[in-house]
């Protein structure tokens, strides 16, 4: 399944707002197939969240964001690189 890196402009978020967004995301994901949230990183300095997902296609990511009420600035198909690969 392809991996995607999504970026979302969210502005400043409190811990409670991050918690609520994560719960909405999980609620929507429980109703969908072909998509899996792997991890996310929040940059308070940039007001952005970067999310790693596995999904069958981009349309699933867009549908998830729409249903969960999450911003969606864009996504890139990515390949994981690990430092141990370069020894």
C-alpha atoms as a PDB file:
ATOM      1  CA  UNK A   1       0.000   0.000   0.000  1.00  0.00           C
ATOM      2  CA  UNK A   2       1.438   3.447  -0.851  1.00  0.00           C
ATOM      3  CA  UNK A   3       2.658   5.683   1.973  1.00  0.00           C
ATOM      4  CA  UNK A   4       1.762   9.361   1.970  1.00  0.00           C
ATOM      5  CA  UNK A   5       3.030  12.372   3.872  1.00  0.00           C
ATOM      6  CA  UNK A   6       0.241  14.909   4.359  1.00  0.00           C
ATOM      7  CA  UNK A   7       0.707  18.473   5.502  1.00  0.00           C
ATOM      8  CA  UNK A   8      -2.050  20.418   7.189  1.00  0.00           C
ATOM      9  CA  UNK A   9      -1.986  24.091   8.172  1.00  0.00           C
ATOM     10  CA  UNK A  10      -3.727  24.253  11.541  1.00  0.00           C
ATOM     11  CA  UNK A  11      -2.299  27.314  13.283  1.00  0.00           C
ATOM     12  CA  UNK A  12      -1.744  27.282  17.023  1.00  0.00           C
ATOM     13  CA  UNK A  13      -3.433  24.319  18.709  1.00  0.00           C
ATOM     14  CA  UNK A  14      -3.871  23.509  22.374  1.00  0.00           C
ATOM     15  CA  UNK A  15      -3.365  19.985  23.664  1.00  0.00           C
ATOM     16  CA  UNK A  16      -7.148  19.695  23.944  1.00  0.00           C
ATOM     17  CA  UNK A  17      -7.622  20.694  20.292  1.00  0.00           C
ATOM     18  CA  UNK A  18      -4.990  18.182  19.188  1.00  0.00           C
ATOM     19  CA  UNK A  19      -6.739  15.499  21.256  1.00  0.00           C
ATOM     20  CA  UNK A  20     -10.129  16.326  19.728  1.00  0.00           C
ATOM     21  CA  UNK A  21      -8.728  16.271  16.168  1.00  0.00           C
ATOM     22  CA  UNK A  22      -7.082  12.898  16.798  1.00  0.00           C
ATOM     23  CA  UNK A  23     -10.306  11.463  18.189  1.00  0.00           C
ATOM     24  CA  UNK A  24     -12.303  12.725  15.176  1.00  0.00           C
ATOM     25  CA  UNK A  25      -9.694  11.201  12.882  1.00  0.00           C
ATOM     26  CA  UNK A  26      -9.875   7.810  14.599  1.00  0.00           C
ATOM     27  CA  UNK A  27     -13.692   7.864  14.589  1.00  0.00           C
ATOM     28  CA  UNK A  28     -13.727   8.398  10.827  1.00  0.00           C
ATOM     29  CA  UNK A  29     -10.969   5.849  10.198  1.00  0.00           C
ATOM     30  CA  UNK A  30     -13.003   3.219  12.068  1.00  0.00           C
ATOM     31  CA  UNK A  31     -15.679   3.615   9.361  1.00  0.00           C
ATOM     32  CA  UNK A  32     -13.266   3.414   6.410  1.00  0.00           C
ATOM     33  CA  UNK A  33     -11.117   0.719   4.852  1.00  0.00           C
ATOM     34  CA  UNK A  34      -8.005   0.988   2.719  1.00  0.00           C
ATOM     35  CA  UNK A  35      -6.471   3.738   4.858  1.00  0.00           C
ATOM     36  CA  UNK A  36      -4.303   3.686   7.997  1.00  0.00           C
ATOM     37  CA  UNK A  37      -2.933   6.568  10.072  1.00  0.00           C
ATOM     38  CA  UNK A  38       0.626   5.731  11.081  1.00  0.00           C
ATOM     39  CA  UNK A  39       1.877   8.802  12.941  1.00  0.00           C
ATOM     40  CA  UNK A  40       1.807  12.584  13.007  1.00  0.00           C
ATOM     41  CA  UNK A  41       4.074  15.427  14.043  1.00  0.00           C
ATOM     42  CA  UNK A  42       2.917  18.873  15.154  1.00  0.00           C
ATOM     43  CA  UNK A  43       5.092  21.938  14.592  1.00  0.00           C
ATOM     44  CA  UNK A  44       3.860  24.741  16.832  1.00  0.00           C
ATOM     45  CA  UNK A  45       6.387  27.115  15.200  1.00  0.00           C
ATOM     46  CA  UNK A  46       4.913  26.496  11.742  1.00  0.00           C
ATOM     47  CA  UNK A  47       1.311  25.871  12.809  1.00  0.00           C
ATOM     48  CA  UNK A  48       1.355  22.654  10.772  1.00  0.00           C
ATOM     49  CA  UNK A  49       0.723  18.977  11.319  1.00  0.00           C
ATOM     50  CA  UNK A  50       2.599  16.434   9.204  1.00  0.00           C
ATOM     51  CA  UNK A  51       0.878  13.047   8.989  1.00  0.00           C
ATOM     52  CA  UNK A  52       2.058   9.710   7.662  1.00  0.00           C
ATOM     53  CA  UNK A  53      -0.646   7.458   6.227  1.00  0.00           C
ATOM     54  CA  UNK A  54      -0.901   4.283   4.232  1.00  0.00           C
ATOM     55  CA  UNK A  55      -3.766   4.421   1.754  1.00  0.00           C
ATOM     56  CA  UNK A  56      -4.878   2.725  -1.410  1.00  0.00           C
ATOM     57  CA  UNK A  57      -5.209   6.112  -3.112  1.00  0.00           C
ATOM     58  CA  UNK A  58      -5.255   9.867  -2.641  1.00  0.00           C
ATOM     59  CA  UNK A  59      -9.053  10.012  -2.805  1.00  0.00           C
ATOM     60  CA  UNK A  60      -9.296   8.074   0.479  1.00  0.00           C
ATOM     61  CA  UNK A  61      -7.048  10.621   2.186  1.00  0.00           C
ATOM     62  CA  UNK A  62      -9.150  13.493   0.903  1.00  0.00           C
ATOM     63  CA  UNK A  63     -12.384  11.793   1.982  1.00  0.00           C
ATOM     64  CA  UNK A  64     -10.969  11.116   5.459  1.00  0.00           C
ATOM     65  CA  UNK A  65      -9.913  14.761   5.878  1.00  0.00           C
ATOM     66  CA  UNK A  66     -13.324  15.992   4.702  1.00  0.00           C
ATOM     67  CA  UNK A  67     -15.280  13.686   7.007  1.00  0.00           C
ATOM     68  CA  UNK A  68     -13.019  14.394  10.014  1.00  0.00           C
ATOM     69  CA  UNK A  69     -13.062  18.159   9.426  1.00  0.00           C
ATOM     70  CA  UNK A  70      -9.297  18.319   9.022  1.00  0.00           C
ATOM     71  CA  UNK A  71      -7.423  20.713   6.728  1.00  0.00           C
ATOM     72  CA  UNK A  72      -5.583  19.151   3.791  1.00  0.00           C
ATOM     73  CA  UNK A  73      -2.887  21.260   2.129  1.00  0.00           C
ATOM     74  CA  UNK A  74      -1.380  18.460   0.081  1.00  0.00           C
ATOM     75  CA  UNK A  75       0.144  15.003   0.096  1.00  0.00           C
ATOM     76  CA  UNK A  76       3.177  13.307  -1.384  1.00  0.00           C
ATOM     77  CA  UNK A  77       3.787   9.642  -1.990  1.00  0.00           C
ATOM     78  CA  UNK A  78       6.885   8.819   0.051  1.00  0.00           C
ATOM     79  CA  UNK A  79       9.308   5.976   0.586  1.00  0.00           C
ATOM     80  CA  UNK A  80      10.808   5.346   3.997  1.00  0.00           C
ATOM     81  CA  UNK A  81      14.565   5.726   4.332  1.00  0.00           C
ATOM     82  CA  UNK A  82      16.369   4.454   7.410  1.00  0.00           C
ATOM     83  CA  UNK A  83      19.975   5.303   8.418  1.00  0.00           C
ATOM     84  CA  UNK A  84      20.813   1.599   8.578  1.00  0.00           C
ATOM     85  CA  UNK A  85      20.153   1.359   4.843  1.00  0.00           C
ATOM     86  CA  UNK A  86      23.299   3.366   4.149  1.00  0.00           C
ATOM     87  CA  UNK A  87      26.008   1.346   5.889  1.00  0.00           C
END
